[in-house]
Amino acid sequence: MTRYAGQRQPRTITVLMALIAFGGAADSAWAQLAPPVKQAQPLRQAAPVKQAAPAMPAAPSAATPAPADPIVAEITGFRSARFGMTELQVREAIARDFSLGTDAVQSQENKAEQTNVLIIHAPDVLPGGGMASVSYVFGFKSKMLIQVGLSWSKATDAKMTPEQLFSDANVLQSHFISAGYKPDTVATNMPINGGILMFRGSDAQQRTTMLILQGASSQGENNQRQMTPTALLLFYVADAKTPDVYRLAPGSF
């Protein structure tokens, strides 16, 4: 989407669309079996029993907690920056979220998709995760926020290590798995070109989160392929199926 110094251009929205459509999560159904019921024995004649006085209704127990509502994911953007905001509103959100001035915000254009992108660098966006680059993408027609992307790599933080990237990826994956995304949209640990799709999931409005661990593959022991992480990418996408980007009109070529 955006080009960073010393780093290859991250995936565009159209490439993300292909990844989102790729694969799916497998669901397993388990039958719940009730325990067998023992055969009742014949009843013997019993002596008449005096009618017991009706029991007083028990007082409600204040110690019984109410059942907790299930967690449901709702992807609205990233922190104070919400999908549908103008560039000015996003700049104000960046100032609130990261205490950065105007000079710290870069503006670039994606000429292929004809979208505008704001880029910042901020430390510890993920606590202990190192310096990250955050990009805010504005739609071709709407000029409103349609995607937020975050990346961690040597290009964003010279102290970044493969171990740190792997740790960050696992922390974020665990968070998203328990965040209440629609189960039929969730996929994890899927091999893709140049890395692993650590997580993909959507909310009820089909807004999508994707977490990608990029890396270089090599031949390890016992002829097993090993991957050394080189970058971690996180995307929040407002509309992955029909994104607001430039496309040639049908039949024009």
C-alpha atoms as a PDB file:
ATOM      1  CA  MET A   1       0.000   0.000   0.000  1.00  0.00           C
ATOM      2  CA  THR A   2       2.672   2.491   1.017  1.00  0.00           C
ATOM      3  CA  ARG A   3       6.396   2.566   0.357  1.00  0.00           C
ATOM      4  CA  TYR A   4       8.705   2.901   3.346  1.00  0.00           C
ATOM      5  CA  ALA A   5      12.373   3.749   3.315  1.00  0.00           C
ATOM      6  CA  GLY A   6      14.441   0.604   2.867  1.00  0.00           C
ATOM      7  CA  GLN A   7      11.374  -1.631   2.647  1.00  0.00           C
ATOM      8  CA  ARG A   8       9.481  -3.195  -0.241  1.00  0.00           C
ATOM      9  CA  GLN A   9       6.025  -1.829  -0.915  1.00  0.00           C
ATOM     10  CA  PRO A  10       3.480  -3.625   1.301  1.00  0.00           C
ATOM     11  CA  ARG A  11       0.565  -5.485  -0.177  1.00  0.00           C
ATOM     12  CA  THR A  12      -2.059  -3.424  -1.968  1.00  0.00           C
ATOM     13  CA  ILE A  13      -5.771  -3.659  -1.215  1.00  0.00           C
ATOM     14  CA  THR A  14      -6.383  -5.708  -4.367  1.00  0.00           C
ATOM     15  CA  VAL A  15      -3.790  -8.275  -3.296  1.00  0.00           C
ATOM     16  CA  LEU A  16      -5.342  -8.367   0.170  1.00  0.00           C
ATOM     17  CA  MET A  17      -8.688  -9.201  -1.458  1.00  0.00           C
ATOM     18  CA  ALA A  18      -7.173 -12.363  -2.938  1.00  0.00           C
ATOM     19  CA  LEU A  19      -5.738 -13.379   0.432  1.00  0.00           C
ATOM     20  CA  ILE A  20      -9.075 -12.799   2.166  1.00  0.00           C
ATOM     21  CA  ALA A  21     -10.838 -15.039  -0.342  1.00  0.00           C
ATOM     22  CA  PHE A  22      -8.169 -17.738  -0.009  1.00  0.00           C
ATOM     23  CA  GLY A  23      -8.906 -20.751   2.149  1.00  0.00           C
ATOM     24  CA  GLY A  24     -11.126 -21.016   5.188  1.00  0.00           C
ATOM     25  CA  ALA A  25     -11.366 -22.415   8.650  1.00  0.00           C
ATOM     26  CA  ALA A  26     -12.415 -26.011   9.164  1.00  0.00           C
ATOM     27  CA  ASP A  27     -15.120 -26.612  11.727  1.00  0.00           C
ATOM     28  CA  SER A  28     -15.500 -29.839  13.721  1.00  0.00           C
ATOM     29  CA  ALA A  29     -18.895 -30.923  15.046  1.00  0.00           C
ATOM     30  CA  TRP A  30     -18.964 -33.000  18.201  1.00  0.00           C
ATOM     31  CA  ALA A  31     -22.040 -34.982  19.272  1.00  0.00           C
ATOM     32  CA  GLN A  32     -22.947 -34.599  22.937  1.00  0.00           C
ATOM     33  CA  LEU A  33     -24.039 -37.946  24.370  1.00  0.00           C
ATOM     34  CA  ALA A  34     -26.316 -38.105  27.407  1.00  0.00           C
ATOM     35  CA  PRO A  35     -25.374 -40.629  30.131  1.00  0.00           C
ATOM     36  CA  PRO A  36     -27.412 -43.903  30.099  1.00  0.00           C
ATOM     37  CA  VAL A  37     -30.451 -44.035  32.373  1.00  0.00           C
ATOM     38  CA  LYS A  38     -30.669 -46.958  34.805  1.00  0.00           C
ATOM     39  CA  GLN A  39     -33.742 -49.203  34.671  1.00  0.00           C
ATOM     40  CA  ALA A  40     -36.146 -48.291  37.490  1.00  0.00           C
ATOM     41  CA  GLN A  41     -36.935 -51.043  40.048  1.00  0.00           C
ATOM     42  CA  PRO A  42     -40.563 -52.036  40.857  1.00  0.00           C
ATOM     43  CA  LEU A  43     -41.998 -50.001  43.715  1.00  0.00           C
ATOM     44  CA  ARG A  44     -43.065 -51.731  46.944  1.00  0.00           C
ATOM     45  CA  GLN A  45     -46.247 -50.818  48.756  1.00  0.00           C
ATOM     46  CA  ALA A  46     -45.353 -48.012  51.138  1.00  0.00           C
ATOM     47  CA  ALA A  47     -47.109 -46.836  54.272  1.00  0.00           C
ATOM     48  CA  PRO A  48     -49.093 -43.626  53.846  1.00  0.00           C
ATOM     49  CA  VAL A  49     -47.023 -40.507  54.490  1.00  0.00           C
ATOM     50  CA  LYS A  50     -48.361 -37.337  56.050  1.00  0.00           C
ATOM     51  CA  GLN A  51     -48.677 -34.419  53.658  1.00  0.00           C
ATOM     52  CA  ALA A  52     -45.720 -32.102  54.140  1.00  0.00           C
ATOM     53  CA  ALA A  53     -46.329 -28.425  54.618  1.00  0.00           C
ATOM     54  CA  PRO A  54     -45.635 -26.399  51.479  1.00  0.00           C
ATOM     55  CA  ALA A  55     -42.088 -25.132  51.377  1.00  0.00           C
ATOM     56  CA  MET A  56     -41.469 -21.431  51.479  1.00  0.00           C
ATOM     57  CA  PRO A  57     -39.915 -20.092  48.276  1.00  0.00           C
ATOM     58  CA  ALA A  58     -36.191 -19.589  48.588  1.00  0.00           C
ATOM     59  CA  ALA A  59     -34.924 -16.050  48.609  1.00  0.00           C
ATOM     60  CA  PRO A  60     -32.950 -15.128  45.508  1.00  0.00           C
ATOM     61  CA  SER A  61     -29.228 -15.535  45.994  1.00  0.00           C
ATOM     62  CA  ALA A  62     -27.283 -12.330  45.515  1.00  0.00           C
ATOM     63  CA  ALA A  63     -24.112 -14.375  44.994  1.00  0.00           C
ATOM     64  CA  THR A  64     -25.312 -15.930  41.711  1.00  0.00           C
ATOM     65  CA  PRO A  65     -23.651 -13.955  38.887  1.00  0.00           C
ATOM     66  CA  ALA A  66     -25.548 -13.123  35.736  1.00  0.00           C
ATOM     67  CA  PRO A  67     -24.282 -14.892  32.595  1.00  0.00           C
ATOM     68  CA  ALA A  68     -21.716 -12.804  30.728  1.00  0.00           C
ATOM     69  CA  ASP A  69     -22.548 -11.572  27.245  1.00  0.00           C
ATOM     70  CA  PRO A  70     -20.439 -13.211  24.516  1.00  0.00           C
ATOM     71  CA  ILE A  71     -17.611 -11.144  23.053  1.00  0.00           C
ATOM     72  CA  VAL A  72     -18.442  -9.908  19.554  1.00  0.00           C
ATOM     73  CA  ALA A  73     -15.814  -8.302  17.313  1.00  0.00           C
ATOM     74  CA  GLU A  74     -16.550  -4.899  15.806  1.00  0.00           C
ATOM     75  CA  ILE A  75     -13.880  -3.510  13.479  1.00  0.00           C
ATOM     76  CA  THR A  76     -14.300   0.252  13.255  1.00  0.00           C
ATOM     77  CA  GLY A  77     -10.750   1.240  12.289  1.00  0.00           C
ATOM     78  CA  PHE A  78      -7.734   1.615  14.563  1.00  0.00           C
ATOM     79  CA  ARG A  79      -7.923   3.433  17.893  1.00  0.00           C
ATOM     80  CA  SER A  80      -9.421   6.912  17.362  1.00  0.00           C
ATOM     81  CA  ALA A  81      -9.211   6.669  13.557  1.00  0.00           C
ATOM     82  CA  ARG A  82     -12.548   5.304  12.312  1.00  0.00           C
ATOM     83  CA  PHE A  83     -13.571   4.118   8.874  1.00  0.00           C
ATOM     84  CA  GLY A  84     -15.372   6.898   7.000  1.00  0.00           C
ATOM     85  CA  MET A  85     -13.306   9.716   8.513  1.00  0.00           C
ATOM     86  CA  THR A  86     -11.839  12.473   6.348  1.00  0.00           C
ATOM     87  CA  GLU A  87      -8.096  13.068   6.141  1.00  0.00           C
ATOM     88  CA  LEU A  88      -8.395  16.041   8.499  1.00  0.00           C
ATOM     89  CA  GLN A  89     -10.291  13.936  11.044  1.00  0.00           C
ATOM     90  CA  VAL A  90      -7.675  11.180  10.834  1.00  0.00           C
ATOM     91  CA  ARG A  91      -4.870  13.682  11.354  1.00  0.00           C
ATOM     92  CA  GLU A  92      -6.653  14.835  14.512  1.00  0.00           C
ATOM     93  CA  ALA A  93      -7.028  11.184  15.610  1.00  0.00           C
ATOM     94  CA  ILE A  94      -3.291  10.593  15.059  1.00  0.00           C
ATOM     95  CA  ALA A  95      -2.485  13.594  17.252  1.00  0.00           C
ATOM     96  CA  ARG A  96      -4.753  12.213  20.020  1.00  0.00           C
ATOM     97  CA  ASP A  97      -3.496   8.634  19.783  1.00  0.00           C
ATOM     98  CA  PHE A  98       0.245   9.217  19.409  1.00  0.00           C
ATOM     99  CA  SER A  99       0.858  12.872  20.390  1.00  0.00           C
ATOM    100  CA  LEU A 100       2.476  13.521  17.010  1.00  0.00           C
ATOM    101  CA  GLY A 101       2.579  16.862  15.281  1.00  0.00           C
ATOM    102  CA  THR A 102       1.861  17.632  11.638  1.00  0.00           C
ATOM    103  CA  ASP A 103       5.537  17.297  10.668  1.00  0.00           C
ATOM    104  CA  ALA A 104       5.564  13.648  11.812  1.00  0.00           C
ATOM    105  CA  VAL A 105       2.820  12.653   9.343  1.00  0.00           C
ATOM    106  CA  GLN A 106       3.908  11.790   5.787  1.00  0.00           C
ATOM    107  CA  SER A 107       1.500  11.874   2.854  1.00  0.00           C
ATOM    108  CA  GLN A 108       1.904   9.613  -0.177  1.00  0.00           C
ATOM    109  CA  GLU A 109      -0.159   8.534  -3.184  1.00  0.00           C
ATOM    110  CA  ASN A 110      -0.709   4.994  -4.407  1.00  0.00           C
ATOM    111  CA  LYS A 111      -0.781   5.682  -8.145  1.00  0.00           C
ATOM    112  CA  ALA A 112      -2.038   2.225  -9.122  1.00  0.00           C
ATOM    113  CA  GLU A 113      -5.105   2.398  -6.874  1.00  0.00           C
ATOM    114  CA  GLN A 114      -5.265   6.224  -6.850  1.00  0.00           C
ATOM    115  CA  THR A 115      -5.635   6.367  -3.079  1.00  0.00           C
ATOM    116  CA  ASN A 116      -3.952   8.764  -0.676  1.00  0.00           C
ATOM    117  CA  VAL A 117      -2.017   7.430   2.329  1.00  0.00           C
ATOM    118  CA  LEU A 118      -0.914   9.024   5.591  1.00  0.00           C
ATOM    119  CA  ILE A 119       2.085   7.363   7.279  1.00  0.00           C
ATOM    120  CA  ILE A 120       3.507   7.675  10.781  1.00  0.00           C
ATOM    121  CA  HIS A 121       6.115   5.868  12.876  1.00  0.00           C
ATOM    122  CA  ALA A 122       5.345   5.243  16.534  1.00  0.00           C
ATOM    123  CA  PRO A 123       7.059   3.264  19.327  1.00  0.00           C
ATOM    124  CA  ASP A 124       5.333   0.494  21.277  1.00  0.00           C
ATOM    125  CA  VAL A 125       2.048   0.548  19.362  1.00  0.00           C
ATOM    126  CA  LEU A 126       2.101  -3.061  20.533  1.00  0.00           C
ATOM    127  CA  PRO A 127       3.535  -2.883  24.088  1.00  0.00           C
ATOM    128  CA  GLY A 128       7.134  -4.073  23.937  1.00  0.00           C
ATOM    129  CA  GLY A 129       6.796  -4.755  20.214  1.00  0.00           C
ATOM    130  CA  GLY A 130       9.214  -2.134  18.938  1.00  0.00           C
ATOM    131  CA  MET A 131       8.796   0.770  16.521  1.00  0.00           C
ATOM    132  CA  ALA A 132       5.937   0.341  14.043  1.00  0.00           C
ATOM    133  CA  SER A 133       4.845   2.073  10.876  1.00  0.00           C
ATOM    134  CA  VAL A 134       1.120   2.890  10.639  1.00  0.00           C
ATOM    135  CA  SER A 135      -0.540   3.782   7.318  1.00  0.00           C
ATOM    136  CA  TYR A 136      -4.026   5.231   6.834  1.00  0.00           C
ATOM    137  CA  VAL A 137      -5.549   4.720   3.367  1.00  0.00           C
ATOM    138  CA  PHE A 138      -8.258   6.981   1.903  1.00  0.00           C
ATOM    139  CA  GLY A 139     -10.620   5.786  -0.828  1.00  0.00           C
ATOM    140  CA  PHE A 140     -10.344   6.713  -4.506  1.00  0.00           C
ATOM    141  CA  LYS A 141     -13.912   8.101  -4.776  1.00  0.00           C
ATOM    142  CA  SER A 142     -14.981   8.711  -1.185  1.00  0.00           C
ATOM    143  CA  LYS A 143     -11.697  10.242   0.059  1.00  0.00           C
ATOM    144  CA  MET A 144     -12.644   8.646   3.397  1.00  0.00           C
ATOM    145  CA  LEU A 145     -10.624   6.202   5.522  1.00  0.00           C
ATOM    146  CA  ILE A 146     -10.985   2.660   4.112  1.00  0.00           C
ATOM    147  CA  GLN A 147      -7.969   0.812   5.556  1.00  0.00           C
ATOM    148  CA  VAL A 148      -5.359   0.987   8.316  1.00  0.00           C
ATOM    149  CA  GLY A 149      -2.132  -0.999   8.049  1.00  0.00           C
ATOM    150  CA  LEU A 150       0.613  -1.579  10.605  1.00  0.00           C
ATOM    151  CA  SER A 151       4.041  -3.082  10.001  1.00  0.00           C
ATOM    152  CA  TRP A 152       7.023  -4.131  12.088  1.00  0.00           C
ATOM    153  CA  SER A 153      10.406  -4.941  10.536  1.00  0.00           C
ATOM    154  CA  LYS A 154      14.069  -3.949  10.412  1.00  0.00           C
ATOM    155  CA  ALA A 155      12.956  -1.031   8.241  1.00  0.00           C
ATOM    156  CA  THR A 156      10.783   0.358  11.039  1.00  0.00           C
ATOM    157  CA  ASP A 157      13.074  -0.595  13.931  1.00  0.00           C
ATOM    158  CA  ALA A 158      16.802  -1.340  13.535  1.00  0.00           C
ATOM    159  CA  LYS A 159      16.726  -3.416  16.745  1.00  0.00           C
ATOM    160  CA  MET A 160      13.995  -5.731  15.459  1.00  0.00           C
ATOM    161  CA  THR A 161      14.855  -9.446  15.497  1.00  0.00           C
ATOM    162  CA  PRO A 162      13.136 -12.516  14.016  1.00  0.00           C
ATOM    163  CA  GLU A 163      12.398 -13.665  17.562  1.00  0.00           C
ATOM    164  CA  GLN A 164      10.679 -10.357  18.355  1.00  0.00           C
ATOM    165  CA  LEU A 165       8.573 -10.573  15.185  1.00  0.00           C
ATOM    166  CA  PHE A 166       7.556 -14.133  15.981  1.00  0.00           C
ATOM    167  CA  SER A 167       6.628 -13.137  19.542  1.00  0.00           C
ATOM    168  CA  ASP A 168       4.612 -10.130  18.329  1.00  0.00           C
ATOM    169  CA  ALA A 169       2.786 -12.330  15.809  1.00  0.00           C
ATOM    170  CA  ASN A 170       1.783 -14.843  18.483  1.00  0.00           C
ATOM    171  CA  VAL A 171       0.622 -12.135  20.905  1.00  0.00           C
ATOM    172  CA  LEU A 172      -1.612 -10.564  18.254  1.00  0.00           C
ATOM    173  CA  GLN A 173      -2.889 -13.897  16.965  1.00  0.00           C
ATOM    174  CA  SER A 174      -3.952 -14.982  20.459  1.00  0.00           C
ATOM    175  CA  HIS A 175      -5.726 -11.642  20.943  1.00  0.00           C
ATOM    176  CA  PHE A 176      -7.672 -11.887  17.684  1.00  0.00           C
ATOM    177  CA  ILE A 177      -8.655 -15.536  18.164  1.00  0.00           C
ATOM    178  CA  SER A 178     -10.471 -14.632  21.381  1.00  0.00           C
ATOM    179  CA  ALA A 179     -11.890 -11.309  20.115  1.00  0.00           C
ATOM    180  CA  GLY A 180     -15.247 -12.628  18.879  1.00  0.00           C
ATOM    181  CA  TYR A 181     -14.826 -12.680  15.095  1.00  0.00           C
ATOM    182  CA  LYS A 182     -17.432 -14.605  13.082  1.00  0.00           C
ATOM    183  CA  PRO A 183     -16.318 -18.249  13.328  1.00  0.00           C
ATOM    184  CA  ASP A 184     -17.018 -19.028   9.665  1.00  0.00           C
ATOM    185  CA  THR A 185     -14.632 -16.232   8.580  1.00  0.00           C
ATOM    186  CA  VAL A 186     -11.688 -17.137  10.813  1.00  0.00           C
ATOM    187  CA  ALA A 187      -8.540 -18.726   9.399  1.00  0.00           C
ATOM    188  CA  THR A 188      -5.180 -19.175  11.129  1.00  0.00           C
ATOM    189  CA  ASN A 189      -1.670 -20.414  10.297  1.00  0.00           C
ATOM    190  CA  MET A 190      -2.241 -20.674   6.547  1.00  0.00           C
ATOM    191  CA  PRO A 191       0.856 -20.785   4.269  1.00  0.00           C
ATOM    192  CA  ILE A 192       0.818 -18.014   1.654  1.00  0.00           C
ATOM    193  CA  ASN A 193       3.353 -16.724  -0.835  1.00  0.00           C
ATOM    194  CA  GLY A 194       6.227 -15.288   1.187  1.00  0.00           C
ATOM    195  CA  GLY A 195       4.948 -16.088   4.654  1.00  0.00           C
ATOM    196  CA  ILE A 196       2.085 -17.218   6.876  1.00  0.00           C
ATOM    197  CA  LEU A 197      -1.419 -15.840   7.266  1.00  0.00           C
ATOM    198  CA  MET A 198      -1.454 -15.872  11.063  1.00  0.00           C
ATOM    199  CA  PHE A 199      -5.068 -14.671  11.322  1.00  0.00           C
ATOM    200  CA  ARG A 200      -7.932 -13.589   9.138  1.00  0.00           C
ATOM    201  CA  GLY A 201     -11.429 -12.808  10.392  1.00  0.00           C
ATOM    202  CA  SER A 202     -14.440 -10.563   9.776  1.00  0.00           C
ATOM    203  CA  ASP A 203     -17.151  -9.000  11.895  1.00  0.00           C
ATOM    204  CA  ALA A 204     -20.918  -8.945  11.236  1.00  0.00           C
ATOM    205  CA  GLN A 205     -20.482  -6.012   8.793  1.00  0.00           C
ATOM    206  CA  GLN A 206     -17.812  -7.950   6.818  1.00  0.00           C
ATOM    207  CA  ARG A 207     -15.037  -5.605   7.926  1.00  0.00           C
ATOM    208  CA  THR A 208     -11.856  -7.644   8.019  1.00  0.00           C
ATOM    209  CA  THR A 209      -8.663  -8.040  10.063  1.00  0.00           C
ATOM    210  CA  MET A 210      -5.590  -9.748   8.632  1.00  0.00           C
ATOM    211  CA  LEU A 211      -2.278 -10.604  10.310  1.00  0.00           C
ATOM    212  CA  ILE A 212       0.600 -11.742   8.069  1.00  0.00           C
ATOM    213  CA  LEU A 213       4.057 -12.907   9.160  1.00  0.00           C
ATOM    214  CA  GLN A 214       6.459 -12.535   6.243  1.00  0.00           C
ATOM    215  CA  GLY A 215       9.753 -14.367   6.085  1.00  0.00           C
ATOM    216  CA  ALA A 216      12.546 -16.020   4.144  1.00  0.00           C
ATOM    217  CA  SER A 217      12.367 -19.798   3.725  1.00  0.00           C
ATOM    218  CA  SER A 218      15.333 -22.137   3.972  1.00  0.00           C
ATOM    219  CA  GLN A 219      16.052 -25.859   4.114  1.00  0.00           C
ATOM    220  CA  GLY A 220      16.348 -27.091   7.705  1.00  0.00           C
ATOM    221  CA  GLU A 221      17.122 -30.433   9.306  1.00  0.00           C
ATOM    222  CA  ASN A 222      15.413 -33.539   7.897  1.00  0.00           C
ATOM    223  CA  ASN A 223      14.673 -31.586   4.696  1.00  0.00           C
ATOM    224  CA  GLN A 224      12.030 -29.516   6.487  1.00  0.00           C
ATOM    225  CA  ARG A 225      11.353 -25.981   5.301  1.00  0.00           C
ATOM    226  CA  GLN A 226      12.028 -23.282   7.886  1.00  0.00           C
ATOM    227  CA  MET A 227      10.980 -19.643   7.813  1.00  0.00           C
ATOM    228  CA  THR A 228      12.930 -16.767   9.343  1.00  0.00           C
ATOM    229  CA  PRO A 229      10.508 -13.860  10.016  1.00  0.00           C
ATOM    230  CA  THR A 230      11.408 -10.578   8.337  1.00  0.00           C
ATOM    231  CA  ALA A 231       8.223  -8.496   8.776  1.00  0.00           C
ATOM    232  CA  LEU A 232       4.849  -8.545  10.520  1.00  0.00           C
ATOM    233  CA  LEU A 233       1.877  -6.893   8.783  1.00  0.00           C
ATOM    234  CA  LEU A 234      -1.521  -6.110  10.292  1.00  0.00           C
ATOM    235  CA  PHE A 235      -4.456  -4.765   8.262  1.00  0.00           C
ATOM    236  CA  TYR A 236      -7.916  -3.490   9.152  1.00  0.00           C
ATOM    237  CA  VAL A 237     -10.049  -3.276   5.989  1.00  0.00           C
ATOM    238  CA  ALA A 238     -13.481  -1.640   5.784  1.00  0.00           C
ATOM    239  CA  ASP A 239     -14.612  -3.452   2.620  1.00  0.00           C
ATOM    240  CA  ALA A 240     -12.348  -6.205   1.350  1.00  0.00           C
ATOM    241  CA  LYS A 241     -14.703  -7.465  -1.369  1.00  0.00           C
ATOM    242  CA  THR A 242     -15.407  -4.168  -3.152  1.00  0.00           C
ATOM    243  CA  PRO A 243     -12.735  -1.689  -1.989  1.00  0.00           C
ATOM    244  CA  ASP A 244     -12.879   1.957  -2.998  1.00  0.00           C
ATOM    245  CA  VAL A 245      -9.865   1.889  -5.354  1.00  0.00           C
ATOM    246  CA  TYR A 246      -9.390   2.823  -8.995  1.00  0.00           C
ATOM    247  CA  ARG A 247     -10.179   0.177 -11.590  1.00  0.00           C
ATOM    248  CA  LEU A 248     -10.441   0.306 -15.351  1.00  0.00           C
ATOM    249  CA  ALA A 249     -13.993   0.362 -16.668  1.00  0.00           C
ATOM    250  CA  PRO A 250     -15.215  -2.987 -18.041  1.00  0.00           C
ATOM    251  CA  GLY A 251     -14.656  -3.226 -21.795  1.00  0.00           C
ATOM    252  CA  SER A 252     -12.177  -0.322 -21.930  1.00  0.00           C
ATOM    253  CA  PHE A 253      -9.390  -2.656 -23.130  1.00  0.00           C
END
